[in-house]
Amino acid sequence: PDNGIDEDCSGGDATALGATIGIYEFTQASACPVLAIDVTAQPSFATFSPYGTTGTTCAAANNVFNNSGWNTSGTIDLTEYNEFSIDAADCYSLDLNKLIFTHRISASGGTPFWILRSSLDNYAADLATGTPITTDKIDTVLLGPAFDAVDQVTFRFYIVSMAQSGSTWRNDNVTLIGNSTSLTPQTFYADVDNDGFGDLNNSVLTCSQ
């Protein structure tokens, strides 16, 4: 499992349970902006970006990532989201299996929906959706074969149908589960003239063509 090859012809690489690759815990006293926006520990085989938001407003709260100004429409607003990215280190591949996160809305939030999308299809399709409540809720998203053998991906959380623009949605303990695979460097030859044949005098030893 987790080598990026579909040996059993099931349509994707078989995947093991995986381990925690990174977790955003937001350990910071109530303040804006939130400064504790990095994973608690960067893995040796990949780099996580800071956790960020676009198109929303920070709302101060202890030990969480809390924002207002969310979309009150039932139609997704692609300019409003929370996001984070992971990039594999050189000569590593990632098999991403689960995304687990804790979240809640404020009492005035009504019955909104969260939607998760990724950069693998330029944020076109929903990976999962769910309903926040006014107490902490843990949701788990299973990531499919598209997340086997990837080297970079960005995840975005969108909110639709928030009751009021001043209502908040908070994230906590955003956790990515998966595995890493080390890759063997190969020699690639430049094909500057695009004739299908490489130049023996122009080569590079690398893990990615």
Protein backbone atom coordinates (compact mmCIF):
# COMPACT_ATOMS: atom_id res chain seq x y z
CA PRO A 1 0.00 0.00 0.00
CA ASP A 2 0.80 3.70 -0.35
CA ASN A 3 3.36 3.40 -3.16
CA GLY A 4 1.26 5.22 -5.75
CA ILE A 5 0.71 2.04 -7.84
CA ASP A 6 -2.63 0.32 -8.40
CA GLU A 7 -1.40 -3.28 -8.23
CA ASP A 8 -4.85 -4.81 -7.63
CA CYS A 9 -6.58 -2.83 -10.44
CA SER A 10 -9.09 -1.35 -8.00
CA GLY A 11 -8.82 2.13 -9.49
CA GLY A 12 -6.41 3.51 -6.88
CA ASP A 13 -3.49 2.69 -4.67
CA ALA A 14 -4.43 0.62 -1.62
CA THR A 15 -3.91 2.78 1.42
CA ALA A 16 -2.86 2.01 4.96
CA LEU A 17 -4.41 3.78 7.92
CA GLY A 18 -1.65 6.38 8.07
CA ALA A 19 -0.37 8.58 10.86
CA THR A 20 -0.79 12.24 11.77
CA ILE A 21 1.32 14.24 9.35
CA GLY A 22 0.47 17.63 10.81
CA ILE A 23 -2.02 19.35 13.12
CA TYR A 24 -3.02 23.00 13.55
CA GLU A 25 -3.88 23.58 17.22
CA PHE A 26 -4.06 27.43 17.37
CA THR A 27 -2.66 27.63 20.92
CA GLN A 28 -3.02 31.37 21.52
CA ALA A 29 -4.91 33.64 23.87
CA SER A 30 -7.83 35.61 22.46
CA ALA A 31 -6.44 38.08 19.92
CA CYS A 32 -6.54 39.24 16.32
CA PRO A 33 -4.72 38.43 14.19
CA VAL A 34 -4.24 34.81 15.21
CA LEU A 35 -0.49 34.23 15.39
CA ALA A 36 -0.43 30.49 16.21
CA ILE A 37 -1.21 29.47 12.63
CA ASP A 38 1.51 26.88 11.98
CA VAL A 39 1.33 23.13 12.51
CA THR A 40 2.66 22.07 15.89
CA ALA A 41 5.60 20.26 14.23
CA GLN A 42 6.67 20.25 10.59
CA PRO A 43 7.36 16.69 9.33
CA SER A 44 10.76 15.95 7.80
CA PHE A 45 9.24 14.83 4.49
CA ALA A 46 6.87 17.76 3.85
CA THR A 47 6.13 21.39 4.66
CA PHE A 48 2.77 22.77 5.81
CA SER A 49 1.83 26.37 5.07
CA PRO A 50 0.46 28.69 7.75
CA TYR A 51 -3.31 28.33 8.21
CA GLY A 52 -4.99 31.30 6.57
CA THR A 53 -8.25 32.93 5.56
CA THR A 54 -9.40 35.00 2.60
CA GLY A 55 -12.47 37.22 2.45
CA THR A 56 -13.46 36.88 6.12
CA THR A 57 -12.81 38.86 9.32
CA CYS A 58 -10.90 37.68 12.38
CA ALA A 59 -12.99 37.34 15.55
CA ALA A 60 -10.90 37.07 18.71
CA ALA A 61 -11.29 33.83 20.71
CA ASN A 62 -9.01 31.64 22.82
CA ASN A 63 -7.10 28.78 21.17
CA VAL A 64 -9.12 28.63 17.94
CA PHE A 65 -9.17 30.10 14.45
CA ASN A 66 -12.36 32.17 14.50
CA ASN A 67 -13.84 34.31 11.72
CA SER A 68 -16.97 36.28 10.84
CA GLY A 69 -18.15 37.81 7.58
CA TRP A 70 -19.07 34.43 6.08
CA ASN A 71 -21.32 33.96 3.07
CA THR A 72 -25.05 34.22 3.88
CA SER A 73 -26.06 33.01 0.41
CA GLY A 74 -26.84 29.37 -0.37
CA THR A 75 -24.40 29.55 -3.29
CA ILE A 76 -20.68 29.04 -2.65
CA ASP A 77 -18.52 32.17 -2.74
CA LEU A 78 -15.14 31.14 -4.17
CA THR A 79 -13.49 34.29 -2.79
CA GLU A 80 -14.21 33.38 0.87
CA TYR A 81 -12.42 30.48 2.55
CA ASN A 82 -10.02 29.12 5.15
CA GLU A 83 -7.08 27.21 3.66
CA PHE A 84 -3.82 25.38 4.21
CA SER A 85 -1.31 23.65 1.94
CA ILE A 86 1.16 20.79 2.15
CA ASP A 87 4.21 20.36 -0.09
CA ALA A 88 6.25 17.16 -0.22
CA ALA A 89 9.99 17.49 0.27
CA ASP A 90 12.31 16.66 -2.59
CA CYS A 91 12.28 12.92 -3.40
CA TYR A 92 9.14 12.24 -1.34
CA SER A 93 5.58 11.46 -2.32
CA LEU A 94 2.50 11.81 -0.09
CA ASP A 95 -0.52 9.53 0.32
CA LEU A 96 -3.19 11.55 2.11
CA ASN A 97 -5.97 9.52 3.72
CA LYS A 98 -8.04 11.66 6.11
CA LEU A 99 -8.66 15.26 7.12
CA ILE A 100 -10.08 15.63 10.65
CA PHE A 101 -11.14 18.94 12.18
CA THR A 102 -13.07 20.39 15.11
CA HIS A 103 -15.44 23.29 14.44
CA ARG A 104 -18.48 25.20 15.69
CA ILE A 105 -20.64 28.24 14.91
CA SER A 106 -21.84 31.05 17.14
CA ALA A 107 -25.40 31.02 18.49
CA SER A 108 -26.60 33.39 15.74
CA GLY A 109 -25.22 31.21 12.94
CA GLY A 110 -28.43 29.41 11.98
CA THR A 111 -27.98 26.27 9.85
CA PRO A 112 -25.02 26.85 7.50
CA PHE A 113 -22.93 24.24 5.65
CA TRP A 114 -19.17 23.87 5.39
CA ILE A 115 -17.73 22.64 2.07
CA LEU A 116 -14.23 21.24 1.53
CA ARG A 117 -12.47 21.46 -1.84
CA SER A 118 -8.87 21.06 -3.03
CA SER A 119 -6.40 22.38 -5.57
CA LEU A 120 -6.17 18.97 -7.30
CA ASP A 121 -9.14 19.97 -9.50
CA ASN A 122 -8.76 23.73 -9.05
CA TYR A 123 -11.44 23.76 -6.32
CA ALA A 124 -14.16 22.57 -8.70
CA ALA A 125 -15.74 19.63 -6.83
CA ASP A 126 -16.85 19.12 -3.25
CA LEU A 127 -14.73 16.61 -1.32
CA ALA A 128 -17.21 16.71 1.56
CA THR A 129 -19.81 18.90 3.18
CA GLY A 130 -21.40 19.08 6.62
CA THR A 131 -23.33 21.16 9.13
CA PRO A 132 -21.67 23.00 12.02
CA ILE A 133 -23.46 23.30 15.36
CA THR A 134 -23.08 25.63 18.33
CA THR A 135 -20.93 23.17 20.31
CA ASP A 136 -17.65 21.58 19.27
CA LYS A 137 -18.12 19.01 16.51
CA ILE A 138 -15.46 16.72 15.01
CA ASP A 139 -15.78 15.79 11.33
CA THR A 140 -13.64 13.32 9.40
CA VAL A 141 -13.22 13.52 5.62
CA LEU A 142 -11.91 10.41 3.84
CA LEU A 143 -9.64 11.34 0.95
CA GLY A 144 -9.89 9.12 -2.12
CA PRO A 145 -7.46 7.75 -4.72
CA ALA A 146 -6.82 11.22 -6.15
CA PHE A 147 -4.75 11.92 -3.02
CA ASP A 148 -2.40 8.96 -3.54
CA ALA A 149 1.12 9.87 -4.66
CA VAL A 150 0.71 13.67 -4.60
CA ASP A 151 3.48 16.20 -4.10
CA GLN A 152 1.43 19.33 -3.38
CA VAL A 153 -2.17 20.11 -2.43
CA THR A 154 -4.12 22.99 -0.93
CA PHE A 155 -7.36 22.45 0.99
CA ARG A 156 -10.05 25.12 1.26
CA PHE A 157 -13.06 25.33 3.59
CA TYR A 158 -16.05 27.36 2.38
CA ILE A 159 -19.22 28.31 4.27
CA VAL A 160 -22.68 28.82 2.72
CA SER A 161 -26.00 29.89 4.23
CA MET A 162 -24.63 31.53 7.37
CA ALA A 163 -27.59 33.21 9.08
CA GLN A 164 -25.83 36.54 9.67
CA SER A 165 -22.60 38.03 8.37
CA GLY A 166 -21.59 38.76 11.96
CA SER A 167 -21.91 35.09 12.98
CA THR A 168 -18.65 33.20 13.44
CA TRP A 169 -17.30 29.81 12.40
CA ARG A 170 -14.28 28.53 14.29
CA ASN A 171 -11.75 25.81 13.44
CA ASP A 172 -9.54 23.85 15.80
CA ASN A 173 -7.25 20.80 15.69
CA VAL A 174 -7.20 20.61 11.89
CA THR A 175 -5.37 17.31 11.31
CA LEU A 176 -4.07 15.62 8.16
CA ILE A 177 -3.57 11.83 8.25
CA GLY A 178 -1.47 9.93 5.72
CA ASN A 179 1.87 8.40 4.77
CA SER A 180 5.02 9.40 2.95
CA THR A 181 7.02 7.41 0.41
CA SER A 182 10.66 8.06 -0.42
CA LEU A 183 11.43 8.16 -4.14
CA THR A 184 14.58 7.00 -5.94
CA PRO A 185 16.29 9.65 -8.07
CA GLN A 186 16.50 8.94 -11.81
CA THR A 187 18.51 10.47 -14.63
CA PHE A 188 16.44 12.60 -17.00
CA TYR A 189 17.81 13.94 -20.30
CA ALA A 190 16.75 17.27 -21.76
CA ASP A 191 14.69 17.11 -24.96
CA VAL A 192 14.92 20.74 -25.99
CA ASP A 193 13.87 20.11 -29.61
CA ASN A 194 10.92 17.90 -28.58
CA ASP A 195 11.85 15.07 -30.92
CA GLY A 196 11.35 12.42 -28.23
CA PHE A 197 15.10 11.80 -27.78
CA GLY A 198 17.13 13.18 -24.89
CA ASP A 199 20.49 14.95 -25.07
CA LEU A 200 23.19 12.73 -23.51
CA ASN A 201 25.20 15.85 -22.68
CA ASN A 202 22.35 17.58 -20.83
CA SER A 203 21.02 15.51 -17.92
CA VAL A 204 19.85 15.88 -14.33
CA LEU A 205 19.52 13.41 -11.45
CA THR A 206 16.16 14.06 -9.77
CA CYS A 207 13.02 12.35 -8.47
CA SER A 208 10.55 14.25 -10.66
CA GLN A 209 10.52 14.70 -14.42
